[in-house]
Amino acid sequence: MNTFIYETIVSIVEEKSFQRASEKLNVTASAVSHAINQIEKTYGFPIFIRNKSEIKLTSSGEKIYPVLRKIIAEEKELEKNVQAIRGLESGIIKIGAFSSVCINWLPDILRNFSKKHPNIEIALTQSNFSDISQLVEYEELDLGFTLLPVTNNVNVTNLLEDEIKCVTPSNFHPHNGQSITKQDLQGFQFMLQKADYDRDTKKTLDYYDVQPNTINFSIDDQSIVSMVEAGLGFGILPDLALRKLSGDVSIYPFDEPFYRTISLVQSKNNIVSPAVSSLVSEIKSHLK
């Protein structure tokens, strides 16, 4: 629907001037005057009172003004939904994720999604937890995989409680034979990624009285495993990160379990495209 005339009337009321309304709409003042004259002829009554001091609605104009605003709002809502529906057939979805999700989940998820929606392009950004949440909040990403806690300015869906494990040299055996206790950790160095130290990993280390001076930071998860394999200490990694790592090491749970919560975050914008909704369903289906 062509809502130009309705937008013209609303702009005149808001700007209290034909000239300023024309500037707002990026048309000439004569085009605005012509449009109003035509609609007044069509309706059969004047919409505006024009004089040197002011421009205001007539009583008839005041009656139709709320309806015009409603029509404009509904037209905009319709256009958003039309664009969203088109987005299921083509377009781009921007995703952010951290390394272990990129390695273990996204290959299968994106392969299955692409089979169903071959014309949807996926743009993947790998980053740290805080940056992913912020990029989603700013709507620079449509979806993000991150860890709790996150900013309150995004919608959150919790996906998995990912248990934190201890990586040891293969010749190490815990005292109870099954899990890592505080007694097992005495005198050992620890390797972990710096980004993990501010979250649930730190809670684990604090509980087991691991001192900061016994912690060494590594670049990535595979480096941690390699250093543990070389006998340089213990590693601490979540279960998901360990699934595709290789090395002559042993993996044990802690006797007091700790978990990190992997979550999917989305913008709080009310309009979510069907393509994004379909990808969210694919993610949930995969994790089941």
C-alpha atoms as a PDB file:
ATOM      1  CA  MET A   1       0.000   0.000   0.000  1.00  0.00           C
ATOM      2  CA  ASN A   2       1.199   3.520  -0.794  1.00  0.00           C
ATOM      3  CA  THR A   3       1.064   5.306   2.538  1.00  0.00           C
ATOM      4  CA  PHE A   4       2.772   8.492   1.359  1.00  0.00           C
ATOM      5  CA  ILE A   5      -0.291  10.682   1.845  1.00  0.00           C
ATOM      6  CA  TYR A   6      -0.838   9.347   5.365  1.00  0.00           C
ATOM      7  CA  GLU A   7       2.813   9.921   6.213  1.00  0.00           C
ATOM      8  CA  THR A   8       2.490  13.419   4.781  1.00  0.00           C
ATOM      9  CA  ILE A   9      -0.441  14.266   7.050  1.00  0.00           C
ATOM     10  CA  VAL A  10       1.355  12.862  10.110  1.00  0.00           C
ATOM     11  CA  SER A  11       4.545  14.766   9.255  1.00  0.00           C
ATOM     12  CA  ILE A  12       2.647  18.060   8.918  1.00  0.00           C
ATOM     13  CA  VAL A  13       1.061  17.530  12.325  1.00  0.00           C
ATOM     14  CA  GLU A  14       4.416  16.647  13.903  1.00  0.00           C
ATOM     15  CA  GLU A  15       6.378  19.452  12.225  1.00  0.00           C
ATOM     16  CA  LYS A  16       3.528  22.044  12.339  1.00  0.00           C
ATOM     17  CA  SER A  17       4.652  23.204   8.911  1.00  0.00           C
ATOM     18  CA  PHE A  18       4.175  22.178   5.279  1.00  0.00           C
ATOM     19  CA  GLN A  19       7.743  23.266   4.530  1.00  0.00           C
ATOM     20  CA  ARG A  20       9.364  21.317   7.356  1.00  0.00           C
ATOM     21  CA  ALA A  21       7.204  18.266   6.519  1.00  0.00           C
ATOM     22  CA  SER A  22       8.426  18.397   2.920  1.00  0.00           C
ATOM     23  CA  GLU A  23      12.049  18.500   4.130  1.00  0.00           C
ATOM     24  CA  LYS A  24      11.450  15.545   6.432  1.00  0.00           C
ATOM     25  CA  LEU A  25       9.881  13.547   3.582  1.00  0.00           C
ATOM     26  CA  ASN A  26      12.515  14.731   1.090  1.00  0.00           C
ATOM     27  CA  VAL A  27       9.945  16.096  -1.371  1.00  0.00           C
ATOM     28  CA  THR A  28       9.058  19.595  -2.505  1.00  0.00           C
ATOM     29  CA  ALA A  29       6.646  21.811  -0.545  1.00  0.00           C
ATOM     30  CA  SER A  30       4.411  21.999  -3.623  1.00  0.00           C
ATOM     31  CA  ALA A  31       4.197  18.188  -3.689  1.00  0.00           C
ATOM     32  CA  VAL A  32       3.018  18.218  -0.067  1.00  0.00           C
ATOM     33  CA  SER A  33       0.401  20.909  -0.780  1.00  0.00           C
ATOM     34  CA  HIS A  34      -0.805  19.047  -3.859  1.00  0.00           C
ATOM     35  CA  ALA A  35      -1.125  15.765  -1.937  1.00  0.00           C
ATOM     36  CA  ILE A  36      -3.177  17.409   0.818  1.00  0.00           C
ATOM     37  CA  ASN A  37      -5.450  19.171  -1.691  1.00  0.00           C
ATOM     38  CA  GLN A  38      -6.079  15.895  -3.497  1.00  0.00           C
ATOM     39  CA  ILE A  39      -6.907  13.915  -0.362  1.00  0.00           C
ATOM     40  CA  GLU A  40      -9.209  16.654   0.924  1.00  0.00           C
ATOM     41  CA  LYS A  41     -11.094  16.535  -2.409  1.00  0.00           C
ATOM     42  CA  THR A  42     -11.293  12.750  -2.166  1.00  0.00           C
ATOM     43  CA  TYR A  43     -12.561  12.776   1.436  1.00  0.00           C
ATOM     44  CA  GLY A  44     -14.879  15.714   0.880  1.00  0.00           C
ATOM     45  CA  PHE A  45     -13.778  17.718   3.932  1.00  0.00           C
ATOM     46  CA  PRO A  46     -10.769  19.818   4.974  1.00  0.00           C
ATOM     47  CA  ILE A  47      -8.078  18.126   7.076  1.00  0.00           C
ATOM     48  CA  PHE A  48      -6.055  21.199   8.061  1.00  0.00           C
ATOM     49  CA  ILE A  49      -6.810  24.746   9.125  1.00  0.00           C
ATOM     50  CA  ARG A  50      -4.231  26.964   7.447  1.00  0.00           C
ATOM     51  CA  ASN A  51      -3.443  30.486   8.573  1.00  0.00           C
ATOM     52  CA  LYS A  52      -0.366  32.646   9.020  1.00  0.00           C
ATOM     53  CA  SER A  53       0.130  31.820  12.693  1.00  0.00           C
ATOM     54  CA  GLU A  54      -0.397  28.047  12.685  1.00  0.00           C
ATOM     55  CA  ILE A  55      -1.395  24.889  10.902  1.00  0.00           C
ATOM     56  CA  LYS A  56      -3.625  22.523  12.819  1.00  0.00           C
ATOM     57  CA  LEU A  57      -6.085  19.712  12.259  1.00  0.00           C
ATOM     58  CA  THR A  58      -9.750  20.381  11.738  1.00  0.00           C
ATOM     59  CA  SER A  59     -12.213  18.486  13.911  1.00  0.00           C
ATOM     60  CA  SER A  60     -12.627  16.012  11.046  1.00  0.00           C
ATOM     61  CA  GLY A  61      -8.862  15.747  10.707  1.00  0.00           C
ATOM     62  CA  GLU A  62      -8.544  14.977  14.422  1.00  0.00           C
ATOM     63  CA  LYS A  63     -10.970  12.070  14.006  1.00  0.00           C
ATOM     64  CA  ILE A  64      -9.004  10.376  11.235  1.00  0.00           C
ATOM     65  CA  TYR A  65      -5.504  11.205  12.507  1.00  0.00           C
ATOM     66  CA  PRO A  66      -5.216   8.226  14.966  1.00  0.00           C
ATOM     67  CA  VAL A  67      -6.432   5.883  12.224  1.00  0.00           C
ATOM     68  CA  LEU A  68      -3.780   7.168   9.820  1.00  0.00           C
ATOM     69  CA  ARG A  69      -1.050   6.590  12.373  1.00  0.00           C
ATOM     70  CA  LYS A  70      -2.333   3.060  12.937  1.00  0.00           C
ATOM     71  CA  ILE A  71      -2.312   2.331   9.205  1.00  0.00           C
ATOM     72  CA  ILE A  72       1.291   3.517   8.924  1.00  0.00           C
ATOM     73  CA  ALA A  73       2.372   1.376  11.898  1.00  0.00           C
ATOM     74  CA  GLU A  74       0.599  -1.690  10.517  1.00  0.00           C
ATOM     75  CA  GLU A  75       2.137  -1.157   7.086  1.00  0.00           C
ATOM     76  CA  LYS A  76       5.612  -1.044   8.636  1.00  0.00           C
ATOM     77  CA  GLU A  77       4.891  -4.208  10.618  1.00  0.00           C
ATOM     78  CA  LEU A  78       3.671  -5.904   7.439  1.00  0.00           C
ATOM     79  CA  GLU A  79       6.837  -4.913   5.587  1.00  0.00           C
ATOM     80  CA  LYS A  80       9.003  -6.325   8.402  1.00  0.00           C
ATOM     81  CA  ASN A  81       7.177  -9.630   8.253  1.00  0.00           C
ATOM     82  CA  VAL A  82       7.362  -9.790   4.459  1.00  0.00           C
ATOM     83  CA  GLN A  83      11.109  -9.200   4.608  1.00  0.00           C
ATOM     84  CA  ALA A  84      11.397 -11.819   7.340  1.00  0.00           C
ATOM     85  CA  ILE A  85       9.545 -14.405   5.225  1.00  0.00           C
ATOM     86  CA  ARG A  86      11.784 -13.637   2.274  1.00  0.00           C
ATOM     87  CA  GLY A  87      14.712 -14.167   4.601  1.00  0.00           C
ATOM     88  CA  LEU A  88      13.854 -17.884   4.880  1.00  0.00           C
ATOM     89  CA  GLU A  89      14.560 -18.318   1.174  1.00  0.00           C
ATOM     90  CA  SER A  90      17.709 -16.240   0.898  1.00  0.00           C
ATOM     91  CA  GLY A  91      19.933 -13.965   2.936  1.00  0.00           C
ATOM     92  CA  ILE A  92      22.672 -14.236   5.521  1.00  0.00           C
ATOM     93  CA  ILE A  93      22.789 -15.340   9.175  1.00  0.00           C
ATOM     94  CA  LYS A  94      25.674 -14.061  11.275  1.00  0.00           C
ATOM     95  CA  ILE A  95      26.799 -16.413  14.060  1.00  0.00           C
ATOM     96  CA  GLY A  96      29.402 -16.014  16.783  1.00  0.00           C
ATOM     97  CA  ALA A  97      30.923 -18.951  18.674  1.00  0.00           C
ATOM     98  CA  PHE A  98      33.945 -19.962  20.725  1.00  0.00           C
ATOM     99  CA  SER A  99      36.396 -22.626  19.607  1.00  0.00           C
ATOM    100  CA  SER A 100      34.984 -25.842  21.097  1.00  0.00           C
ATOM    101  CA  VAL A 101      31.501 -25.083  19.709  1.00  0.00           C
ATOM    102  CA  CYS A 102      33.032 -24.329  16.287  1.00  0.00           C
ATOM    103  CA  ILE A 103      34.885 -27.637  16.365  1.00  0.00           C
ATOM    104  CA  ASN A 104      32.322 -29.990  17.891  1.00  0.00           C
ATOM    105  CA  TRP A 105      28.827 -28.662  17.124  1.00  0.00           C
ATOM    106  CA  LEU A 106      28.719 -26.291  14.195  1.00  0.00           C
ATOM    107  CA  PRO A 107      30.019 -28.558  11.390  1.00  0.00           C
ATOM    108  CA  ASP A 108      27.053 -30.947  11.732  1.00  0.00           C
ATOM    109  CA  ILE A 109      24.530 -28.214  12.566  1.00  0.00           C
ATOM    110  CA  LEU A 110      25.457 -26.022   9.600  1.00  0.00           C
ATOM    111  CA  ARG A 111      25.696 -28.962   7.192  1.00  0.00           C
ATOM    112  CA  ASN A 112      22.159 -30.092   8.061  1.00  0.00           C
ATOM    113  CA  PHE A 113      20.812 -26.520   7.962  1.00  0.00           C
ATOM    114  CA  SER A 114      22.413 -25.842   4.571  1.00  0.00           C
ATOM    115  CA  LYS A 115      20.767 -28.938   3.084  1.00  0.00           C
ATOM    116  CA  LYS A 116      17.352 -27.513   4.041  1.00  0.00           C
ATOM    117  CA  HIS A 117      18.140 -23.890   3.156  1.00  0.00           C
ATOM    118  CA  PRO A 118      20.837 -23.922   0.458  1.00  0.00           C
ATOM    119  CA  ASN A 119      20.414 -20.225  -0.383  1.00  0.00           C
ATOM    120  CA  ILE A 120      21.007 -18.984   3.169  1.00  0.00           C
ATOM    121  CA  GLU A 121      24.587 -17.853   3.685  1.00  0.00           C
ATOM    122  CA  ILE A 122      26.196 -18.401   7.091  1.00  0.00           C
ATOM    123  CA  ALA A 123      28.853 -15.955   8.308  1.00  0.00           C
ATOM    124  CA  LEU A 124      30.754 -17.375  11.287  1.00  0.00           C
ATOM    125  CA  THR A 125      32.820 -15.333  13.720  1.00  0.00           C
ATOM    126  CA  GLN A 126      35.002 -17.072  16.297  1.00  0.00           C
ATOM    127  CA  SER A 127      35.646 -14.925  19.358  1.00  0.00           C
ATOM    128  CA  ASN A 128      35.691 -14.892  23.148  1.00  0.00           C
ATOM    129  CA  PHE A 129      32.632 -15.165  25.365  1.00  0.00           C
ATOM    130  CA  SER A 130      32.208 -11.492  26.289  1.00  0.00           C
ATOM    131  CA  ASP A 131      32.707 -10.205  22.742  1.00  0.00           C
ATOM    132  CA  ILE A 132      30.101 -12.610  21.375  1.00  0.00           C
ATOM    133  CA  SER A 133      27.439 -11.404  23.834  1.00  0.00           C
ATOM    134  CA  GLN A 134      28.234  -7.780  23.065  1.00  0.00           C
ATOM    135  CA  LEU A 135      28.107  -8.284  19.295  1.00  0.00           C
ATOM    136  CA  VAL A 136      24.685  -9.925  19.626  1.00  0.00           C
ATOM    137  CA  GLU A 137      23.472  -7.090  21.871  1.00  0.00           C
ATOM    138  CA  TYR A 138      24.579  -4.557  19.229  1.00  0.00           C
ATOM    139  CA  GLU A 139      22.854  -6.707  16.542  1.00  0.00           C
ATOM    140  CA  GLU A 140      26.113  -7.217  14.682  1.00  0.00           C
ATOM    141  CA  LEU A 141      25.478 -10.957  15.122  1.00  0.00           C
ATOM    142  CA  ASP A 142      22.123 -12.747  14.850  1.00  0.00           C
ATOM    143  CA  LEU A 143      23.073 -15.601  17.181  1.00  0.00           C
ATOM    144  CA  GLY A 144      25.896 -16.285  19.576  1.00  0.00           C
ATOM    145  CA  PHE A 145      27.182 -19.269  21.529  1.00  0.00           C
ATOM    146  CA  THR A 146      28.676 -18.129  24.810  1.00  0.00           C
ATOM    147  CA  LEU A 147      28.921 -18.919  28.517  1.00  0.00           C
ATOM    148  CA  LEU A 148      26.974 -17.614  31.459  1.00  0.00           C
ATOM    149  CA  PRO A 149      26.939 -15.016  32.860  1.00  0.00           C
ATOM    150  CA  VAL A 150      25.940 -12.679  30.015  1.00  0.00           C
ATOM    151  CA  THR A 151      24.591  -9.163  29.721  1.00  0.00           C
ATOM    152  CA  ASN A 152      20.919  -8.648  30.581  1.00  0.00           C
ATOM    153  CA  ASN A 153      20.365  -7.022  27.182  1.00  0.00           C
ATOM    154  CA  VAL A 154      20.095 -10.287  25.225  1.00  0.00           C
ATOM    155  CA  ASN A 155      17.685 -13.215  25.191  1.00  0.00           C
ATOM    156  CA  VAL A 156      19.295 -16.369  26.594  1.00  0.00           C
ATOM    157  CA  THR A 157      18.621 -20.060  25.938  1.00  0.00           C
ATOM    158  CA  ASN A 158      20.715 -22.444  28.047  1.00  0.00           C
ATOM    159  CA  LEU A 159      21.949 -25.375  25.957  1.00  0.00           C
ATOM    160  CA  LEU A 160      24.293 -27.552  28.007  1.00  0.00           C
ATOM    161  CA  GLU A 161      25.833 -27.981  31.430  1.00  0.00           C
ATOM    162  CA  ASP A 162      29.399 -28.777  30.382  1.00  0.00           C
ATOM    163  CA  GLU A 163      31.393 -30.552  33.094  1.00  0.00           C
ATOM    164  CA  ILE A 164      34.910 -29.306  33.820  1.00  0.00           C
ATOM    165  CA  LYS A 165      37.512 -32.097  33.842  1.00  0.00           C
ATOM    166  CA  CYS A 166      41.129 -32.546  34.875  1.00  0.00           C
ATOM    167  CA  VAL A 167      43.710 -33.618  32.283  1.00  0.00           C
ATOM    168  CA  THR A 168      46.702 -35.517  33.685  1.00  0.00           C
ATOM    169  CA  PRO A 169      49.714 -37.353  32.283  1.00  0.00           C
ATOM    170  CA  SER A 170      48.791 -40.911  31.346  1.00  0.00           C
ATOM    171  CA  ASN A 171      50.910 -42.400  34.138  1.00  0.00           C
ATOM    172  CA  PHE A 172      49.121 -40.420  36.869  1.00  0.00           C
ATOM    173  CA  HIS A 173      46.506 -42.162  39.002  1.00  0.00           C
ATOM    174  CA  PRO A 174      44.336 -40.361  41.584  1.00  0.00           C
ATOM    175  CA  HIS A 175      44.376 -41.626  45.146  1.00  0.00           C
ATOM    176  CA  ASN A 176      40.813 -42.920  44.979  1.00  0.00           C
ATOM    177  CA  GLY A 177      41.318 -44.290  41.465  1.00  0.00           C
ATOM    178  CA  GLN A 178      38.323 -42.494  40.012  1.00  0.00           C
ATOM    179  CA  SER A 179      38.301 -38.729  40.549  1.00  0.00           C
ATOM    180  CA  ILE A 180      40.561 -35.808  41.391  1.00  0.00           C
ATOM    181  CA  THR A 181      40.616 -34.683  45.031  1.00  0.00           C
ATOM    182  CA  LYS A 182      42.416 -31.832  46.756  1.00  0.00           C
ATOM    183  CA  GLN A 183      45.064 -34.335  47.859  1.00  0.00           C
ATOM    184  CA  ASP A 184      45.869 -35.172  44.214  1.00  0.00           C
ATOM    185  CA  LEU A 185      46.655 -31.578  43.290  1.00  0.00           C
ATOM    186  CA  GLN A 186      49.343 -30.822  45.836  1.00  0.00           C
ATOM    187  CA  GLY A 187      52.644 -29.829  44.248  1.00  0.00           C
ATOM    188  CA  PHE A 188      51.391 -29.728  40.649  1.00  0.00           C
ATOM    189  CA  GLN A 189      51.334 -26.888  38.125  1.00  0.00           C
ATOM    190  CA  PHE A 190      48.142 -26.147  36.175  1.00  0.00           C
ATOM    191  CA  MET A 191      47.660 -25.150  32.522  1.00  0.00           C
ATOM    192  CA  LEU A 192      44.573 -23.389  31.219  1.00  0.00           C
ATOM    193  CA  GLN A 193      43.440 -20.681  28.823  1.00  0.00           C
ATOM    194  CA  LYS A 194      43.449 -17.161  30.251  1.00  0.00           C
ATOM    195  CA  ALA A 195      39.887 -16.504  29.042  1.00  0.00           C
ATOM    196  CA  ASP A 196      38.664 -19.414  31.199  1.00  0.00           C
ATOM    197  CA  TYR A 197      40.234 -18.146  34.402  1.00  0.00           C
ATOM    198  CA  ASP A 198      37.552 -15.512  35.003  1.00  0.00           C
ATOM    199  CA  ARG A 199      34.631 -17.931  34.868  1.00  0.00           C
ATOM    200  CA  ASP A 200      33.663 -21.414  36.069  1.00  0.00           C
ATOM    201  CA  THR A 201      37.207 -22.726  35.703  1.00  0.00           C
ATOM    202  CA  LYS A 202      38.333 -20.230  38.318  1.00  0.00           C
ATOM    203  CA  LYS A 203      35.574 -21.413  40.662  1.00  0.00           C
ATOM    204  CA  THR A 204      36.898 -24.951  40.291  1.00  0.00           C
ATOM    205  CA  LEU A 205      40.506 -23.942  40.965  1.00  0.00           C
ATOM    206  CA  ASP A 206      39.516 -21.807  43.935  1.00  0.00           C
ATOM    207  CA  TYR A 207      37.550 -24.699  45.462  1.00  0.00           C
ATOM    208  CA  TYR A 208      40.595 -26.982  45.144  1.00  0.00           C
ATOM    209  CA  ASP A 209      42.924 -24.342  46.632  1.00  0.00           C
ATOM    210  CA  VAL A 210      45.021 -24.025  43.478  1.00  0.00           C
ATOM    211  CA  GLN A 211      47.220 -20.971  43.984  1.00  0.00           C
ATOM    212  CA  PRO A 212      47.723 -18.388  41.211  1.00  0.00           C
ATOM    213  CA  ASN A 213      51.492 -18.912  41.253  1.00  0.00           C
ATOM    214  CA  THR A 214      50.967 -22.535  40.146  1.00  0.00           C
ATOM    215  CA  ILE A 215      48.890 -21.544  37.077  1.00  0.00           C
ATOM    216  CA  ASN A 216      50.346 -21.204  33.575  1.00  0.00           C
ATOM    217  CA  PHE A 217      48.269 -19.837  30.715  1.00  0.00           C
ATOM    218  CA  SER A 218      48.194 -21.437  27.276  1.00  0.00           C
ATOM    219  CA  ILE A 219      47.123 -20.280  23.814  1.00  0.00           C
ATOM    220  CA  ASP A 220      44.616 -23.020  23.018  1.00  0.00           C
ATOM    221  CA  ASP A 221      43.139 -26.299  24.221  1.00  0.00           C
ATOM    222  CA  GLN A 222      45.421 -28.574  22.178  1.00  0.00           C
ATOM    223  CA  SER A 223      48.477 -26.785  23.587  1.00  0.00           C
ATOM    224  CA  ILE A 224      47.249 -27.576  27.098  1.00  0.00           C
ATOM    225  CA  VAL A 225      46.966 -31.277  26.261  1.00  0.00           C
ATOM    226  CA  SER A 226      50.417 -31.264  24.672  1.00  0.00           C
ATOM    227  CA  MET A 227      52.016 -29.686  27.739  1.00  0.00           C
ATOM    228  CA  VAL A 228      50.277 -32.164  30.043  1.00  0.00           C
ATOM    229  CA  GLU A 229      51.482 -35.003  27.810  1.00  0.00           C
ATOM    230  CA  ALA A 230      55.033 -33.652  28.223  1.00  0.00           C
ATOM    231  CA  GLY A 231      54.688 -33.937  32.009  1.00  0.00           C
ATOM    232  CA  LEU A 232      54.607 -30.194  32.715  1.00  0.00           C
ATOM    233  CA  GLY A 233      51.563 -30.362  34.986  1.00  0.00           C
ATOM    234  CA  PHE A 234      47.792 -30.788  34.892  1.00  0.00           C
ATOM    235  CA  GLY A 235      45.286 -29.217  32.543  1.00  0.00           C
ATOM    236  CA  ILE A 236      41.733 -28.119  33.244  1.00  0.00           C
ATOM    237  CA  LEU A 237      39.275 -28.225  30.367  1.00  0.00           C
ATOM    238  CA  PRO A 238      35.528 -28.653  29.908  1.00  0.00           C
ATOM    239  CA  ASP A 239      34.173 -31.885  28.504  1.00  0.00           C
ATOM    240  CA  LEU A 240      33.112 -30.406  25.153  1.00  0.00           C
ATOM    241  CA  ALA A 241      36.590 -29.023  24.486  1.00  0.00           C
ATOM    242  CA  LEU A 242      38.145 -32.452  25.153  1.00  0.00           C
ATOM    243  CA  ARG A 243      36.079 -34.403  22.643  1.00  0.00           C
ATOM    244  CA  LYS A 244      38.327 -33.950  19.610  1.00  0.00           C
ATOM    245  CA  LEU A 245      41.650 -33.300  21.311  1.00  0.00           C
ATOM    246  CA  SER A 246      44.388 -35.916  21.045  1.00  0.00           C
ATOM    247  CA  GLY A 247      47.325 -36.836  23.253  1.00  0.00           C
ATOM    248  CA  ASP A 248      48.711 -39.498  25.567  1.00  0.00           C
ATOM    249  CA  VAL A 249      46.876 -38.170  28.617  1.00  0.00           C
ATOM    250  CA  SER A 250      44.220 -39.268  31.093  1.00  0.00           C
ATOM    251  CA  ILE A 251      41.000 -37.396  31.834  1.00  0.00           C
ATOM    252  CA  TYR A 252      39.362 -37.507  35.255  1.00  0.00           C
ATOM    253  CA  PRO A 253      36.330 -35.789  36.792  1.00  0.00           C
ATOM    254  CA  PHE A 254      36.753 -33.801  39.987  1.00  0.00           C
ATOM    255  CA  ASP A 255      35.242 -35.383  43.085  1.00  0.00           C
ATOM    256  CA  GLU A 256      33.215 -32.156  43.471  1.00  0.00           C
ATOM    257  CA  PRO A 257      31.682 -31.542  40.015  1.00  0.00           C
ATOM    258  CA  PHE A 258      31.781 -28.090  38.449  1.00  0.00           C
ATOM    259  CA  TYR A 259      30.066 -27.064  35.231  1.00  0.00           C
ATOM    260  CA  ARG A 260      30.038 -24.210  32.757  1.00  0.00           C
ATOM    261  CA  THR A 261      26.706 -23.299  31.164  1.00  0.00           C
ATOM    262  CA  ILE A 262      26.837 -23.005  27.375  1.00  0.00           C
ATOM    263  CA  SER A 263      24.092 -20.690  26.157  1.00  0.00           C
ATOM    264  CA  LEU A 264      22.655 -19.362  22.926  1.00  0.00           C
ATOM    265  CA  VAL A 265      22.068 -15.604  22.914  1.00  0.00           C
ATOM    266  CA  GLN A 266      19.903 -13.511  20.591  1.00  0.00           C
ATOM    267  CA  SER A 267      19.041  -9.844  20.301  1.00  0.00           C
ATOM    268  CA  LYS A 268      15.975  -8.652  22.202  1.00  0.00           C
ATOM    269  CA  ASN A 269      14.654  -7.197  18.946  1.00  0.00           C
ATOM    270  CA  ASN A 270      11.081  -8.489  18.587  1.00  0.00           C
ATOM    271  CA  ILE A 271      11.466  -9.333  14.891  1.00  0.00           C
ATOM    272  CA  VAL A 272      13.352 -12.612  14.419  1.00  0.00           C
ATOM    273  CA  SER A 273      13.589 -13.874  10.847  1.00  0.00           C
ATOM    274  CA  PRO A 274      12.214 -17.337  10.014  1.00  0.00           C
ATOM    275  CA  ALA A 275      15.716 -18.288   8.841  1.00  0.00           C
ATOM    276  CA  VAL A 276      17.197 -17.545  12.263  1.00  0.00           C
ATOM    277  CA  SER A 277      14.289 -19.340  13.981  1.00  0.00           C
ATOM    278  CA  SER A 278      14.878 -22.350  11.741  1.00  0.00           C
ATOM    279  CA  LEU A 279      18.570 -22.392  12.634  1.00  0.00           C
ATOM    280  CA  VAL A 280      17.752 -22.193  16.354  1.00  0.00           C
ATOM    281  CA  SER A 281      15.476 -25.231  15.912  1.00  0.00           C
ATOM    282  CA  GLU A 282      18.284 -27.053  14.122  1.00  0.00           C
ATOM    283  CA  ILE A 283      20.664 -26.293  17.003  1.00  0.00           C
ATOM    284  CA  LYS A 284      18.214 -27.584  19.611  1.00  0.00           C
ATOM    285  CA  SER A 285      17.464 -30.679  17.545  1.00  0.00           C
ATOM    286  CA  HIS A 286      21.177 -31.456  17.196  1.00  0.00           C
ATOM    287  CA  LEU A 287      21.797 -31.154  20.922  1.00  0.00           C
ATOM    288  CA  LYS A 288      18.942 -33.511  21.762  1.00  0.00           C
END
